[in-house]
C-alpha atoms as a PDB file:
ATOM      1  CA  MET A   1     -18.370  54.192   0.262  1.00  0.00           C
ATOM      2  CA  THR A   2     -14.592  54.257   0.430  1.00  0.00           C
ATOM      3  CA  ASN A   3     -12.313  55.583  -2.292  1.00  0.00           C
ATOM      4  CA  ARG A   4     -11.292  52.030  -3.074  1.00  0.00           C
ATOM      5  CA  GLU A   5     -14.920  51.000  -3.653  1.00  0.00           C
ATOM      6  CA  SER A   6     -15.640  53.998  -5.873  1.00  0.00           C
ATOM      7  CA  THR A   7     -12.585  53.325  -8.056  1.00  0.00           C
ATOM      8  CA  GLN A   8     -13.665  49.705  -8.549  1.00  0.00           C
ATOM      9  CA  ARG A   9     -17.143  50.667  -9.743  1.00  0.00           C
ATOM     10  CA  HIS A  10     -17.704  51.929 -13.250  1.00  0.00           C
ATOM     11  CA  PRO A  11     -20.331  54.385 -14.439  1.00  0.00           C
ATOM     12  CA  ARG A  12     -23.213  52.774 -16.245  1.00  0.00           C
ATOM     13  CA  ILE A  13     -23.848  54.394 -19.614  1.00  0.00           C
ATOM     14  CA  ARG A  14     -27.187  53.644 -21.249  1.00  0.00           C
ATOM     15  CA  VAL A  15     -28.186  54.999 -24.654  1.00  0.00           C
ATOM     16  CA  ARG A  16     -31.877  55.390 -25.421  1.00  0.00           C
ATOM     17  CA  ILE A  17     -33.441  56.440 -28.711  1.00  0.00           C
ATOM     18  CA  LEU A  18     -36.648  58.418 -28.213  1.00  0.00           C
ATOM     19  CA  ALA A  19     -39.540  58.932 -30.613  1.00  0.00           C
ATOM     20  CA  GLU A  20     -41.127  61.969 -28.960  1.00  0.00           C
ATOM     21  CA  SER A  21     -41.489  60.773 -25.349  1.00  0.00           C
ATOM     22  CA  VAL A  22     -41.552  57.030 -26.157  1.00  0.00           C
ATOM     23  CA  ILE A  23     -38.385  54.966 -25.786  1.00  0.00           C
ATOM     24  CA  ALA A  24     -38.110  53.514 -29.291  1.00  0.00           C
ATOM     25  CA  LEU A  25     -34.934  51.591 -28.500  1.00  0.00           C
ATOM     26  CA  GLY A  26     -32.684  51.106 -25.505  1.00  0.00           C
ATOM     27  CA  PRO A  27     -30.440  48.407 -24.092  1.00  0.00           C
ATOM     28  CA  GLY A  28     -33.267  46.118 -22.965  1.00  0.00           C
ATOM     29  CA  LYS A  29     -35.128  46.360 -26.253  1.00  0.00           C
ATOM     30  CA  ALA A  30     -31.898  45.757 -28.182  1.00  0.00           C
ATOM     31  CA  ASP A  31     -31.274  42.653 -26.054  1.00  0.00           C
ATOM     32  CA  LEU A  32     -34.820  41.503 -26.805  1.00  0.00           C
ATOM     33  CA  LEU A  33     -34.246  41.948 -30.552  1.00  0.00           C
ATOM     34  CA  GLU A  34     -31.118  39.794 -30.310  1.00  0.00           C
ATOM     35  CA  ALA A  35     -33.020  37.173 -28.321  1.00  0.00           C
ATOM     36  CA  ILE A  36     -35.790  37.113 -30.969  1.00  0.00           C
ATOM     37  CA  ASP A  37     -33.154  36.676 -33.650  1.00  0.00           C
ATOM     38  CA  GLU A  38     -31.651  33.734 -31.759  1.00  0.00           C
ATOM     39  CA  ALA A  39     -34.887  32.079 -30.589  1.00  0.00           C
ATOM     40  CA  GLY A  40     -36.989  32.673 -33.671  1.00  0.00           C
ATOM     41  CA  SER A  41     -39.990  33.549 -31.529  1.00  0.00           C
ATOM     42  CA  ILE A  42     -41.162  36.197 -29.098  1.00  0.00           C
ATOM     43  CA  SER A  43     -42.066  33.578 -26.484  1.00  0.00           C
ATOM     44  CA  GLY A  44     -38.614  31.966 -26.687  1.00  0.00           C
ATOM     45  CA  ALA A  45     -36.961  35.382 -26.526  1.00  0.00           C
ATOM     46  CA  ALA A  46     -39.077  36.319 -23.511  1.00  0.00           C
ATOM     47  CA  ARG A  47     -38.030  33.144 -21.690  1.00  0.00           C
ATOM     48  CA  ALA A  48     -34.362  33.794 -22.504  1.00  0.00           C
ATOM     49  CA  ALA A  49     -34.673  37.402 -21.311  1.00  0.00           C
ATOM     50  CA  GLY A  50     -36.510  36.403 -18.125  1.00  0.00           C
ATOM     51  CA  MET A  51     -39.672  38.360 -18.896  1.00  0.00           C
ATOM     52  CA  SER A  52     -43.277  37.511 -19.573  1.00  0.00           C
ATOM     53  CA  TYR A  53     -44.520  36.963 -23.094  1.00  0.00           C
ATOM     54  CA  ARG A  54     -46.926  39.880 -22.598  1.00  0.00           C
ATOM     55  CA  ARG A  55     -44.095  42.247 -21.647  1.00  0.00           C
ATOM     56  CA  ALA A  56     -41.988  41.120 -24.624  1.00  0.00           C
ATOM     57  CA  TRP A  57     -44.960  41.570 -26.973  1.00  0.00           C
ATOM     58  CA  ILE A  58     -45.594  45.105 -25.634  1.00  0.00           C
ATOM     59  CA  LEU A  59     -41.925  46.002 -26.195  1.00  0.00           C
ATOM     60  CA  VAL A  60     -41.985  44.607 -29.745  1.00  0.00           C
ATOM     61  CA  ASP A  61     -45.234  46.438 -30.486  1.00  0.00           C
ATOM     62  CA  THR A  62     -43.723  49.694 -29.190  1.00  0.00           C
ATOM     63  CA  MET A  63     -40.580  49.278 -31.290  1.00  0.00           C
ATOM     64  CA  ASN A  64     -42.575  48.375 -34.391  1.00  0.00           C
ATOM     65  CA  GLY A  65     -44.733  51.468 -33.916  1.00  0.00           C
ATOM     66  CA  CYS A  66     -41.796  53.844 -33.460  1.00  0.00           C
ATOM     67  CA  PHE A  67     -39.960  53.142 -36.716  1.00  0.00           C
ATOM     68  CA  THR A  68     -41.010  53.774 -40.319  1.00  0.00           C
ATOM     69  CA  SER A  69     -41.231  50.022 -40.869  1.00  0.00           C
ATOM     70  CA  PRO A  70     -41.467  47.152 -38.350  1.00  0.00           C
ATOM     71  CA  LEU A  71     -38.346  45.758 -36.705  1.00  0.00           C
ATOM     72  CA  VAL A  72     -39.929  42.365 -36.019  1.00  0.00           C
ATOM     73  CA  SER A  73     -42.290  40.369 -38.210  1.00  0.00           C
ATOM     74  CA  THR A  74     -44.436  37.600 -36.791  1.00  0.00           C
ATOM     75  CA  ALA A  75     -46.216  34.588 -38.241  1.00  0.00           C
ATOM     76  CA  LYS A  76     -49.024  32.723 -36.482  1.00  0.00           C
ATOM     77  CA  GLY A  77     -48.456  29.123 -35.443  1.00  0.00           C
ATOM     78  CA  GLY A  78     -49.850  26.133 -37.258  1.00  0.00           C
ATOM     79  CA  ALA A  79     -48.371  23.734 -39.781  1.00  0.00           C
ATOM     80  CA  GLU A  80     -45.509  26.143 -40.494  1.00  0.00           C
ATOM     81  CA  GLY A  81     -44.795  26.633 -36.772  1.00  0.00           C
ATOM     82  CA  GLY A  82     -45.175  30.415 -36.638  1.00  0.00           C
ATOM     83  CA  GLY A  83     -42.533  32.488 -34.957  1.00  0.00           C
ATOM     84  CA  ALA A  84     -40.888  35.878 -35.234  1.00  0.00           C
ATOM     85  CA  ARG A  85     -37.873  37.276 -37.008  1.00  0.00           C
ATOM     86  CA  LEU A  86     -36.057  40.542 -37.415  1.00  0.00           C
ATOM     87  CA  THR A  87     -36.874  42.416 -40.578  1.00  0.00           C
ATOM     88  CA  PRO A  88     -34.079  43.963 -42.641  1.00  0.00           C
ATOM     89  CA  THR A  89     -34.936  47.269 -40.927  1.00  0.00           C
ATOM     90  CA  GLY A  90     -34.730  45.518 -37.563  1.00  0.00           C
ATOM     91  CA  ARG A  91     -31.242  44.236 -38.343  1.00  0.00           C
ATOM     92  CA  ARG A  92     -30.087  47.684 -39.522  1.00  0.00           C
ATOM     93  CA  VAL A  93     -31.530  49.415 -36.469  1.00  0.00           C
ATOM     94  CA  LEU A  94     -29.982  46.876 -34.081  1.00  0.00           C
ATOM     95  CA  THR A  95     -26.562  47.132 -35.748  1.00  0.00           C
ATOM     96  CA  ARG A  96     -26.648  50.934 -35.721  1.00  0.00           C
ATOM     97  CA  TYR A  97     -27.827  51.017 -32.104  1.00  0.00           C
ATOM     98  CA  ARG A  98     -25.040  48.697 -30.913  1.00  0.00           C
ATOM     99  CA  ARG A  99     -22.470  50.748 -32.847  1.00  0.00           C
ATOM    100  CA  LEU A 100     -23.797  54.020 -31.389  1.00  0.00           C
ATOM    101  CA  ALA A 101     -23.955  52.660 -27.830  1.00  0.00           C
ATOM    102  CA  SER A 102     -20.359  51.446 -28.080  1.00  0.00           C
ATOM    103  CA  LEU A 103     -19.198  54.820 -29.395  1.00  0.00           C
ATOM    104  CA  VAL A 104     -21.013  56.718 -26.636  1.00  0.00           C
ATOM    105  CA  GLU A 105     -19.563  54.426 -23.966  1.00  0.00           C
ATOM    106  CA  LYS A 106     -16.025  54.858 -25.310  1.00  0.00           C
ATOM    107  CA  SER A 107     -16.504  58.626 -25.585  1.00  0.00           C
ATOM    108  CA  PHE A 108     -17.862  59.184 -22.079  1.00  0.00           C
ATOM    109  CA  SER A 109     -16.606  56.370 -19.829  1.00  0.00           C
ATOM    110  CA  SER A 110     -13.291  58.076 -19.057  1.00  0.00           C
ATOM    111  CA  LEU A 111     -15.059  61.359 -18.283  1.00  0.00           C
ATOM    112  CA  LEU A 112     -17.645  60.017 -15.837  1.00  0.00           C
ATOM    113  CA  LYS A 113     -17.240  58.907 -12.271  1.00  0.00           C
ATOM    114  CA  VAL A 114     -19.533  57.033  -9.951  1.00  0.00           C
ATOM    115  CA  PRO A 115     -21.022  59.527  -7.481  1.00  0.00           C
ATOM    116  CA  SER A 116     -20.106  58.843  -3.868  1.00  0.00           C
ATOM    117  CA  ARG A 117     -23.773  59.239  -3.020  1.00  0.00           C
ATOM    118  CA  LEU A 118     -26.891  60.028  -4.957  1.00  0.00           C
ATOM    119  CA  PRO A 119     -28.521  63.452  -4.492  1.00  0.00           C
ATOM    120  CA  GLY A 120     -31.820  63.756  -2.795  1.00  0.00           C
END
């Protein structure tokens, strides 16, 4: 990689919140929460995020299990149509995560550089 290429690339900063060794929340899960909020369902959010319904459900189940109260509530289909929505805790967690991720990126982006090659 030339100097010109390395100056055009930016370091990628990713914030993850761990509950013991489980990733309770990270950029992908935050994106999924936003997609659920927009789509009103896990299946619609999964389609928008380009992942399987099963994968989205596993991520939601993991998030719900990592916090003191669920981030997403679901209702079965039927006459009411079912769906999923963010709980008040889910909205608070998502807002705080986005705020924290932005702060970390601002704090570290000027201090990091893209390595010219990866070790190993």
